[in-house]
């Protein structure tokens, strides 16, 4: 993966996790659970992509 794509995925991941933290800061009854589950899934997937790309770029 190119460094530009990884940078874009990192920025998108950062924005997603900010949205997750804002949603999680709400009182329990005000949390929109479908949105929260979608954001958590997208954040986890983007973090996984970043982790895999990081390990692939390590010299062994």
N, C-alpha and C. Protein backbone atom coordinates (compact mmCIF):
# COMPACT_ATOMS: atom_id res chain seq x y z
N UNK A 1 0.84 -1.17 0.00
CA UNK A 1 0.00 0.00 0.00
C UNK A 1 0.90 1.24 0.00
N UNK A 2 0.49 2.26 -0.72
CA UNK A 2 1.32 3.46 -0.78
C UNK A 2 1.18 4.29 0.50
N UNK A 3 2.14 5.13 0.72
CA UNK A 3 2.14 5.95 1.94
C UNK A 3 0.99 6.94 1.95
N UNK A 4 0.57 7.40 0.77
CA UNK A 4 -0.55 8.33 0.70
C UNK A 4 -1.85 7.67 1.14
N UNK A 5 -2.06 6.44 0.71
CA UNK A 5 -3.27 5.71 1.10
C UNK A 5 -3.27 5.45 2.60
N UNK A 6 -2.13 5.09 3.14
CA UNK A 6 -2.03 4.83 4.57
C UNK A 6 -2.30 6.11 5.36
N UNK A 7 -1.80 7.24 4.87
CA UNK A 7 -2.05 8.53 5.54
C UNK A 7 -3.54 8.87 5.53
N UNK A 8 -4.20 8.62 4.42
CA UNK A 8 -5.64 8.89 4.33
C UNK A 8 -6.41 7.98 5.28
N UNK A 9 -6.05 6.70 5.32
CA UNK A 9 -6.72 5.76 6.22
C UNK A 9 -6.48 6.17 7.68
N UNK A 10 -5.30 6.66 7.99
CA UNK A 10 -5.00 7.11 9.35
C UNK A 10 -5.85 8.31 9.74
N UNK A 11 -6.01 9.25 8.83
CA UNK A 11 -6.84 10.43 9.12
C UNK A 11 -8.30 10.04 9.28
N UNK A 12 -8.78 9.18 8.40
CA UNK A 12 -10.18 8.72 8.50
C UNK A 12 -10.39 7.95 9.80
N UNK A 13 -9.43 7.13 10.17
CA UNK A 13 -9.52 6.37 11.41
C UNK A 13 -9.57 7.31 12.62
N UNK A 14 -8.75 8.34 12.59
CA UNK A 14 -8.73 9.32 13.66
C UNK A 14 -10.09 9.99 13.82
N UNK A 15 -10.69 10.38 12.69
CA UNK A 15 -12.01 11.03 12.72
C UNK A 15 -13.07 10.06 13.23
N UNK A 16 -13.00 8.82 12.81
CA UNK A 16 -13.97 7.81 13.26
C UNK A 16 -13.89 7.64 14.77
N UNK A 17 -12.67 7.53 15.31
CA UNK A 17 -12.53 7.31 16.75
C UNK A 17 -12.94 8.54 17.56
N UNK A 18 -12.80 9.73 16.99
CA UNK A 18 -13.33 10.92 17.66
C UNK A 18 -14.85 10.84 17.73
N UNK A 19 -15.47 10.42 16.63
CA UNK A 19 -16.93 10.27 16.61
C UNK A 19 -17.38 9.21 17.60
N UNK A 20 -16.63 8.12 17.73
CA UNK A 20 -16.97 7.08 18.71
C UNK A 20 -16.90 7.64 20.12
N UNK A 21 -15.85 8.40 20.41
CA UNK A 21 -15.71 8.93 21.77
C UNK A 21 -16.80 9.95 22.09
N UNK A 22 -17.20 10.73 21.10
CA UNK A 22 -18.30 11.69 21.32
C UNK A 22 -19.62 10.96 21.58
N UNK A 23 -19.85 9.90 20.82
CA UNK A 23 -21.09 9.13 21.01
C UNK A 23 -21.06 8.41 22.37
N UNK A 24 -19.90 7.92 22.75
CA UNK A 24 -19.79 7.20 24.02
C UNK A 24 -19.90 8.12 25.23
N UNK A 25 -19.64 9.40 25.05
CA UNK A 25 -19.71 10.35 26.16
C UNK A 25 -21.14 10.73 26.51
N UNK A 26 -22.07 10.39 25.64
CA UNK A 26 -23.48 10.70 25.90
C UNK A 26 -24.03 9.78 27.00
N UNK A 27 -25.09 10.23 27.68
CA UNK A 27 -25.75 9.30 28.62
C UNK A 27 -26.27 8.07 27.87
N UNK A 28 -26.35 6.97 28.58
CA UNK A 28 -26.67 5.68 27.96
C UNK A 28 -27.97 5.69 27.16
N UNK A 29 -28.97 6.42 27.65
CA UNK A 29 -30.26 6.42 26.96
C UNK A 29 -30.25 7.25 25.69
N UNK A 30 -29.25 8.13 25.53
CA UNK A 30 -29.19 8.99 24.35
C UNK A 30 -28.29 8.43 23.25
N UNK A 31 -27.56 7.36 23.54
CA UNK A 31 -26.66 6.77 22.55
C UNK A 31 -27.48 6.11 21.46
N UNK A 32 -27.14 6.41 20.22
CA UNK A 32 -27.78 5.77 19.07
C UNK A 32 -26.97 4.52 18.75
N UNK A 33 -27.46 3.37 19.21
CA UNK A 33 -26.69 2.14 19.14
C UNK A 33 -26.34 1.67 17.74
N UNK A 34 -27.24 1.79 16.76
CA UNK A 34 -26.82 1.39 15.40
C UNK A 34 -25.64 2.22 14.88
N UNK A 35 -25.66 3.52 15.18
CA UNK A 35 -24.55 4.38 14.76
C UNK A 35 -23.29 3.99 15.52
N UNK A 36 -23.43 3.73 16.81
CA UNK A 36 -22.27 3.37 17.64
C UNK A 36 -21.64 2.07 17.14
N UNK A 37 -22.44 1.08 16.83
CA UNK A 37 -21.92 -0.20 16.35
C UNK A 37 -21.24 -0.02 14.99
N UNK A 38 -21.84 0.79 14.12
CA UNK A 38 -21.23 1.05 12.82
C UNK A 38 -19.89 1.76 12.97
N UNK A 39 -19.84 2.78 13.82
CA UNK A 39 -18.59 3.50 14.04
C UNK A 39 -17.52 2.61 14.65
N UNK A 40 -17.90 1.79 15.63
CA UNK A 40 -16.93 0.88 16.24
C UNK A 40 -16.40 -0.13 15.23
N UNK A 41 -17.27 -0.63 14.38
CA UNK A 41 -16.84 -1.58 13.35
C UNK A 41 -15.88 -0.92 12.36
N UNK A 42 -16.23 0.26 11.90
CA UNK A 42 -15.37 0.98 10.96
C UNK A 42 -14.04 1.35 11.61
N UNK A 43 -14.07 1.78 12.86
CA UNK A 43 -12.85 2.12 13.57
C UNK A 43 -11.95 0.92 13.78
N UNK A 44 -12.54 -0.20 14.11
CA UNK A 44 -11.76 -1.42 14.30
C UNK A 44 -11.14 -1.88 12.98
N UNK A 45 -11.91 -1.83 11.91
CA UNK A 45 -11.39 -2.22 10.60
C UNK A 45 -10.24 -1.30 10.16
N UNK A 46 -10.41 -0.01 10.34
CA UNK A 46 -9.35 0.92 9.93
C UNK A 46 -8.10 0.74 10.80
N UNK A 47 -8.28 0.48 12.09
CA UNK A 47 -7.13 0.23 12.95
C UNK A 47 -6.42 -1.06 12.55
N UNK A 48 -7.18 -2.06 12.14
CA UNK A 48 -6.60 -3.32 11.69
C UNK A 48 -5.78 -3.12 10.41
N UNK A 49 -6.32 -2.34 9.48
CA UNK A 49 -5.61 -2.04 8.23
C UNK A 49 -4.30 -1.31 8.54
N UNK A 50 -4.35 -0.34 9.44
CA UNK A 50 -3.14 0.40 9.80
C UNK A 50 -2.12 -0.49 10.49
N UNK A 51 -2.58 -1.39 11.36
CA UNK A 51 -1.67 -2.29 12.06
C UNK A 51 -0.99 -3.25 11.09
N UNK A 52 -1.76 -3.81 10.16
CA UNK A 52 -1.19 -4.73 9.18
C UNK A 52 -0.17 -4.02 8.30
N UNK A 53 -0.51 -2.81 7.86
CA UNK A 53 0.42 -2.07 7.01
C UNK A 53 1.69 -1.70 7.77
N UNK A 54 1.56 -1.41 9.05
CA UNK A 54 2.72 -1.11 9.87
C UNK A 54 3.64 -2.32 9.97
N UNK A 55 3.08 -3.48 10.27
CA UNK A 55 3.90 -4.69 10.38
C UNK A 55 4.52 -5.09 9.05
N UNK A 56 3.83 -4.83 7.95
CA UNK A 56 4.40 -5.17 6.64
C UNK A 56 5.57 -4.26 6.28
N UNK A 57 5.56 -3.07 6.83
CA UNK A 57 6.64 -2.13 6.50
C UNK A 57 7.87 -2.28 7.40
N UNK A 58 7.78 -3.13 8.44
CA UNK A 58 8.93 -3.34 9.33
C UNK A 58 9.98 -4.20 8.64
N UNK A 59 11.23 -3.80 8.76
CA UNK A 59 12.29 -4.63 8.17
C UNK A 59 12.62 -5.81 9.10
N UNK A 60 12.73 -6.98 8.52
CA UNK A 60 13.04 -8.16 9.33
C UNK A 60 14.36 -8.74 8.92
